[in-house]
């Protein structure tokens, strides 16, 4: 049997209309969405299918929406007897990866990520934080540049996505100063990101105490397959360790590139991005050009993946 790793996208991958094709085609998926609306006590599916985009993009809506659309596709893949050997998610996507590995139930995960989104929004004043993608620089060069930032402006590395793509996060003024410094230091481009806060930076620490209480209210089980954690880039299955890492994940960098390298070391035949968009499969191609990737977001891409998975090696 082929060894496949499932990857789950994070915030920014949402689009109005996502998941509607599966909702219309499969009664069990329609039921999954209806149950999600009841669990959350608001019409998430309606926001996903009809928008408006500004409402879907709100962190507290985007996070459960992406989780739900990913797990709907995962449900259909499992029904077709496609079994991943390991999972990974990007930031919010780590929750989808944990649901897929049996460590969290969807019923617990949906309100948890909605609360996570709210707390992330409230952790730092709106409009005062920012994030930017730094292209064409090594991690060491970025870190060296950030060391000389003024003490009153926080700027941290937030995402290590692939060689030559690093995301920084911090105060708005800090990101502006760092942008100029990084361009002077040889960055090809520094692109501001359309986000509402300084995610995965020290500025998210105020959300931690309240989020810890939310985590205490949910049941976390041992994962049935390894989940590669954002914080360590290493596989985790232990329920206590999963909980500890989810708390650190709010203010720690997402070590996505390193996670993929570790998963490649374990031997996989392909990476399948399960959910909306193609961002993660694009990153994997930059990490390892020869690696086979799939982005499963509609019936056509699902059929192509299942056909490949089931054909004789």
Protein backbone atom coordinates (compact mmCIF):
# COMPACT_ATOMS: atom_id res chain seq x y z
CA UNK A 1 0.00 0.00 0.00
CA UNK A 2 1.24 3.50 -0.81
CA UNK A 3 2.50 5.68 2.03
CA UNK A 4 0.69 9.00 1.94
CA UNK A 5 0.98 12.02 4.24
CA UNK A 6 -2.05 14.30 4.62
CA UNK A 7 -1.44 18.06 4.93
CA UNK A 8 -4.08 20.51 6.14
CA UNK A 9 -4.13 24.20 5.17
CA UNK A 10 -4.33 27.14 7.55
CA UNK A 11 -5.90 30.57 7.60
CA UNK A 12 -5.73 32.47 4.33
CA UNK A 13 -6.82 29.47 2.24
CA UNK A 14 -10.55 30.21 2.72
CA UNK A 15 -12.74 31.20 -0.25
CA UNK A 16 -16.49 31.78 -0.49
CA UNK A 17 -18.15 28.64 -1.89
CA UNK A 18 -15.58 26.19 -0.56
CA UNK A 19 -16.96 22.73 0.15
CA UNK A 20 -20.30 23.35 -1.58
CA UNK A 21 -19.69 20.70 -4.26
CA UNK A 22 -19.23 17.97 -1.65
CA UNK A 23 -22.12 19.29 0.45
CA UNK A 24 -24.47 19.00 -2.56
CA UNK A 25 -23.18 15.60 -3.67
CA UNK A 26 -22.93 13.60 -0.42
CA UNK A 27 -25.72 13.32 2.20
CA UNK A 28 -23.19 12.43 4.92
CA UNK A 29 -21.27 15.66 4.21
CA UNK A 30 -24.47 17.71 4.30
CA UNK A 31 -25.19 16.12 7.68
CA UNK A 32 -21.63 16.93 8.85
CA UNK A 33 -22.12 20.62 7.98
CA UNK A 34 -25.56 20.74 9.62
CA UNK A 35 -24.13 19.20 12.80
CA UNK A 36 -21.29 21.76 12.73
CA UNK A 37 -23.81 24.64 12.56
CA UNK A 38 -25.60 23.17 15.59
CA UNK A 39 -22.36 22.65 17.52
CA UNK A 40 -21.27 26.24 16.91
CA UNK A 41 -24.77 27.67 17.26
CA UNK A 42 -24.37 29.89 14.19
CA UNK A 43 -24.77 29.23 10.42
CA UNK A 44 -21.13 28.56 9.51
CA UNK A 45 -22.09 26.63 6.35
CA UNK A 46 -24.08 29.61 5.05
CA UNK A 47 -21.09 31.93 5.62
CA UNK A 48 -18.85 29.42 3.81
CA UNK A 49 -21.15 29.02 0.81
CA UNK A 50 -22.47 32.56 0.31
CA UNK A 51 -20.12 34.87 2.24
CA UNK A 52 -19.69 37.77 2.18
CA UNK A 53 -15.93 37.34 1.97
CA UNK A 54 -15.28 39.89 4.75
CA UNK A 55 -17.40 37.79 7.13
CA UNK A 56 -15.75 34.50 6.14
CA UNK A 57 -12.30 36.06 6.51
CA UNK A 58 -12.88 37.01 10.17
CA UNK A 59 -10.50 34.79 12.14
CA UNK A 60 -13.26 33.32 14.33
CA UNK A 61 -15.16 32.22 11.17
CA UNK A 62 -12.26 31.32 8.89
CA UNK A 63 -10.70 28.91 11.40
CA UNK A 64 -13.73 26.61 11.93
CA UNK A 65 -14.63 26.94 8.21
CA UNK A 66 -11.24 25.62 7.09
CA UNK A 67 -11.31 22.87 9.70
CA UNK A 68 -14.77 21.75 8.59
CA UNK A 69 -13.99 21.76 4.86
CA UNK A 70 -10.78 19.76 5.44
CA UNK A 71 -12.46 17.16 7.65
CA UNK A 72 -15.34 16.78 5.16
CA UNK A 73 -12.82 15.83 2.45
CA UNK A 74 -10.92 13.62 4.90
CA UNK A 75 -14.19 11.81 5.71
CA UNK A 76 -14.74 11.01 2.03
CA UNK A 77 -11.16 9.81 1.59
CA UNK A 78 -11.43 7.45 4.58
CA UNK A 79 -14.70 6.13 3.12
CA UNK A 80 -12.69 5.27 -0.02
CA UNK A 81 -10.20 3.40 2.22
CA UNK A 82 -7.42 5.95 1.76
CA UNK A 83 -5.38 5.86 4.96
CA UNK A 84 -2.60 8.38 5.66
CA UNK A 85 0.48 7.20 7.54
CA UNK A 86 1.15 10.64 9.08
CA UNK A 87 -0.36 14.13 9.11
CA UNK A 88 0.74 17.74 9.36
CA UNK A 89 -1.11 21.05 9.37
CA UNK A 90 -0.05 24.67 8.91
CA UNK A 91 -0.96 26.67 12.04
CA UNK A 92 -4.76 26.27 12.27
CA UNK A 93 -4.36 23.21 10.01
CA UNK A 94 -2.70 21.39 12.91
CA UNK A 95 -6.19 21.03 14.44
CA UNK A 96 -7.45 19.34 11.25
CA UNK A 97 -4.36 17.08 11.37
CA UNK A 98 -5.21 16.12 14.97
CA UNK A 99 -8.86 15.38 14.11
CA UNK A 100 -7.70 13.23 11.18
CA UNK A 101 -5.36 11.35 13.55
CA UNK A 102 -8.15 10.74 16.08
CA UNK A 103 -6.63 12.95 18.81
CA UNK A 104 -9.53 15.44 18.73
CA UNK A 105 -13.18 15.04 17.80
CA UNK A 106 -14.63 17.44 15.23
CA UNK A 107 -17.35 18.32 17.75
CA UNK A 108 -14.68 19.50 20.23
CA UNK A 109 -12.34 21.03 17.64
CA UNK A 110 -14.89 23.36 15.98
CA UNK A 111 -15.73 25.52 19.04
CA UNK A 112 -12.10 25.28 20.15
CA UNK A 113 -10.74 26.86 16.95
CA UNK A 114 -13.55 29.45 16.90
CA UNK A 115 -12.47 30.44 20.42
CA UNK A 116 -8.82 30.36 19.34
CA UNK A 117 -9.66 32.77 16.51
CA UNK A 118 -11.47 35.16 18.88
CA UNK A 119 -8.65 35.10 21.43
CA UNK A 120 -6.03 35.69 18.73
CA UNK A 121 -7.98 38.73 17.53
CA UNK A 122 -8.31 40.07 21.09
CA UNK A 123 -4.68 39.42 22.09
CA UNK A 124 -3.38 42.57 20.42
CA UNK A 125 -5.19 45.80 19.38
CA UNK A 126 -6.66 45.67 15.86
CA UNK A 127 -4.51 47.39 13.26
CA UNK A 128 -1.49 47.65 15.56
CA UNK A 129 0.13 44.36 14.52
CA UNK A 130 1.33 43.12 11.13
CA UNK A 131 2.99 40.24 9.29
CA UNK A 132 5.18 40.12 6.16
CA UNK A 133 6.69 37.44 3.93
CA UNK A 134 10.46 37.71 3.42
CA UNK A 135 11.60 36.18 0.13
CA UNK A 136 15.12 35.12 -0.83
CA UNK A 137 16.79 35.09 2.60
CA UNK A 138 18.04 32.37 4.92
CA UNK A 139 16.70 31.95 8.44
CA UNK A 140 20.09 32.94 9.91
CA UNK A 141 20.22 36.19 7.91
CA UNK A 142 16.69 37.15 8.95
CA UNK A 143 17.44 36.34 12.61
CA UNK A 144 20.62 38.47 12.52
CA UNK A 145 18.70 41.41 11.05
CA UNK A 146 15.98 41.14 13.70
CA UNK A 147 18.53 41.12 16.55
CA UNK A 148 19.27 44.81 15.91
CA UNK A 149 15.61 45.88 16.14
CA UNK A 150 14.76 48.47 18.84
CA UNK A 151 13.66 46.87 22.11
CA UNK A 152 10.23 48.53 22.08
CA UNK A 153 9.28 47.02 18.70
CA UNK A 154 8.60 43.26 18.71
CA UNK A 155 9.36 41.37 15.48
CA UNK A 156 9.59 37.56 15.49
CA UNK A 157 9.91 34.83 12.88
CA UNK A 158 6.39 33.40 12.54
CA UNK A 159 6.58 30.83 9.72
CA UNK A 160 9.47 28.90 8.19
CA UNK A 161 7.58 27.83 5.08
CA UNK A 162 10.20 26.68 2.58
CA UNK A 163 13.75 27.66 1.54
CA UNK A 164 13.68 31.37 0.78
CA UNK A 165 10.23 32.04 2.26
CA UNK A 166 10.06 33.21 5.88
CA UNK A 167 7.19 35.10 7.50
CA UNK A 168 7.82 37.70 10.20
CA UNK A 169 5.25 38.98 12.71
CA UNK A 170 5.13 41.83 15.20
CA UNK A 171 4.14 45.42 15.83
CA UNK A 172 3.17 47.43 12.76
CA UNK A 173 6.03 49.91 13.24
CA UNK A 174 8.43 47.03 13.90
CA UNK A 175 7.46 45.25 10.68
CA UNK A 176 7.93 48.51 8.72
CA UNK A 177 11.41 49.00 10.20
CA UNK A 178 12.33 45.34 9.68
CA UNK A 179 11.12 45.52 6.06
CA UNK A 180 13.55 48.35 5.29
CA UNK A 181 16.39 46.59 7.13
CA UNK A 182 15.78 43.25 5.36
CA UNK A 183 15.62 44.88 1.92
CA UNK A 184 18.92 46.62 2.63
CA UNK A 185 20.31 43.26 3.74
CA UNK A 186 19.51 41.59 0.41
CA UNK A 187 15.95 40.25 0.63
CA UNK A 188 14.47 39.87 -2.87
CA UNK A 189 11.08 41.10 -1.66
CA UNK A 190 9.28 41.74 1.63
CA UNK A 191 5.53 41.48 1.11
CA UNK A 192 2.99 42.68 3.71
CA UNK A 193 0.35 40.01 4.45
CA UNK A 194 -3.36 40.72 4.61
CA UNK A 195 -3.87 39.56 8.20
CA UNK A 196 -5.57 41.12 11.20
CA UNK A 197 -2.89 40.52 13.83
CA UNK A 198 0.71 39.57 14.70
CA UNK A 199 0.12 35.81 14.78
CA UNK A 200 2.81 33.34 15.94
CA UNK A 201 4.74 36.07 17.75
CA UNK A 202 5.32 36.94 21.41
CA UNK A 203 2.43 39.40 21.09
CA UNK A 204 0.03 36.41 21.11
CA UNK A 205 1.05 35.35 24.63
CA UNK A 206 -1.87 37.26 26.28
CA UNK A 207 -4.24 34.78 24.60
CA UNK A 208 -2.53 31.82 26.22
CA UNK A 209 -4.10 31.77 29.68
CA UNK A 210 -7.67 31.87 28.37
CA UNK A 211 -6.90 29.40 25.61
CA UNK A 212 -5.44 27.00 28.19
CA UNK A 213 -8.85 27.00 29.91
CA UNK A 214 -10.56 26.22 26.60
CA UNK A 215 -8.14 23.33 26.03
CA UNK A 216 -8.91 21.99 29.50
CA UNK A 217 -12.56 21.66 28.46
CA UNK A 218 -11.86 19.31 25.55
CA UNK A 219 -10.83 15.68 25.51
CA UNK A 220 -7.50 15.02 23.78
CA UNK A 221 -6.67 11.40 23.00
CA UNK A 222 -3.52 9.68 21.87
CA UNK A 223 -3.11 10.12 18.11
CA UNK A 224 -3.46 6.92 16.05
CA UNK A 225 -0.77 8.08 13.59
CA UNK A 226 2.10 10.58 14.02
CA UNK A 227 1.15 14.25 13.75
CA UNK A 228 4.11 16.50 12.96
CA UNK A 229 3.88 19.42 15.38
CA UNK A 230 4.37 23.02 14.20
CA UNK A 231 6.39 23.95 17.30
CA UNK A 232 8.97 21.12 17.15
CA UNK A 233 8.69 19.82 13.54
CA UNK A 234 8.72 16.35 15.13
CA UNK A 235 6.08 13.60 15.29
CA UNK A 236 3.79 13.55 18.32
CA UNK A 237 1.15 11.04 19.43
CA UNK A 238 1.03 11.54 23.24
CA UNK A 239 -2.09 13.40 24.40
CA UNK A 240 -0.27 15.41 27.10
CA UNK A 241 2.42 16.52 24.68
CA UNK A 242 -0.19 17.44 22.05
CA UNK A 243 -1.92 19.75 24.55
CA UNK A 244 1.34 21.40 25.63
CA UNK A 245 2.38 22.02 22.01
CA UNK A 246 -1.02 23.50 21.03
CA UNK A 247 -0.55 26.14 23.74
CA UNK A 248 2.98 26.99 22.58
CA UNK A 249 1.83 27.04 18.95
CA UNK A 250 -0.03 30.35 19.43
CA UNK A 251 3.17 32.33 19.93
CA UNK A 252 5.83 30.07 18.35
CA UNK A 253 7.01 29.86 14.73
CA UNK A 254 5.42 27.31 12.40
CA UNK A 255 8.32 25.08 11.35
CA UNK A 256 6.64 23.75 8.22
CA UNK A 257 9.70 23.21 6.00
CA UNK A 258 11.48 21.24 8.72
CA UNK A 259 8.35 19.14 9.33
CA UNK A 260 8.18 18.18 5.66
CA UNK A 261 11.89 17.28 5.62
CA UNK A 262 11.40 15.01 8.65
CA UNK A 263 8.38 13.37 7.02
CA UNK A 264 10.37 12.77 3.82
CA UNK A 265 13.04 11.06 5.94
CA UNK A 266 10.34 8.59 7.09
CA UNK A 267 9.52 7.71 3.47
CA UNK A 268 6.30 8.83 1.80
CA UNK A 269 5.09 8.26 -1.76
CA UNK A 270 3.10 11.50 -1.87
CA UNK A 271 1.79 14.45 0.11
CA UNK A 272 -1.93 15.18 -0.26
CA UNK A 273 -3.22 18.64 0.69
CA UNK A 274 -6.69 17.97 2.12
CA UNK A 275 -8.82 21.11 2.05
CA UNK A 276 -9.16 24.41 0.28
CA UNK A 277 -6.33 25.81 -1.83
CA UNK A 278 -2.93 24.64 -3.06
CA UNK A 279 -0.57 26.64 -0.85
CA UNK A 280 0.98 23.70 1.02
CA UNK A 281 1.51 21.50 -2.03
CA UNK A 282 3.29 24.50 -3.62
CA UNK A 283 5.56 24.79 -0.57
CA UNK A 284 6.38 21.07 -0.65
CA UNK A 285 7.47 21.40 -4.29
CA UNK A 286 9.90 24.13 -3.21
CA UNK A 287 11.22 21.95 -0.38
CA UNK A 288 11.60 18.81 -2.55
CA UNK A 289 11.02 19.12 -6.30
CA UNK A 290 10.80 15.39 -6.94
CA UNK A 291 8.13 14.72 -4.32
CA UNK A 292 4.65 13.87 -5.64
CA UNK A 293 1.91 16.18 -4.38
CA UNK A 294 -1.88 16.37 -4.69
CA UNK A 295 -4.25 19.20 -3.74
CA UNK A 296 -7.68 17.74 -3.02
CA UNK A 297 -10.39 20.41 -2.99
CA UNK A 298 -13.07 19.24 -5.43
CA UNK A 299 -14.45 16.02 -6.92
CA UNK A 300 -12.10 16.03 -9.90
CA UNK A 301 -8.93 16.37 -7.81
CA UNK A 302 -10.23 13.78 -5.33
CA UNK A 303 -10.94 11.26 -8.10
CA UNK A 304 -7.46 11.76 -9.56
CA UNK A 305 -5.83 11.19 -6.17
CA UNK A 306 -7.91 8.09 -5.35
CA UNK A 307 -7.19 6.64 -8.79
CA UNK A 308 -3.42 7.11 -8.23
CA UNK A 309 -3.64 5.74 -4.68
CA UNK A 310 -5.42 2.56 -5.71
CA UNK A 311 -3.44 1.74 -8.85
CA UNK A 312 -0.89 -1.04 -8.54
CA UNK A 313 2.62 0.13 -7.69
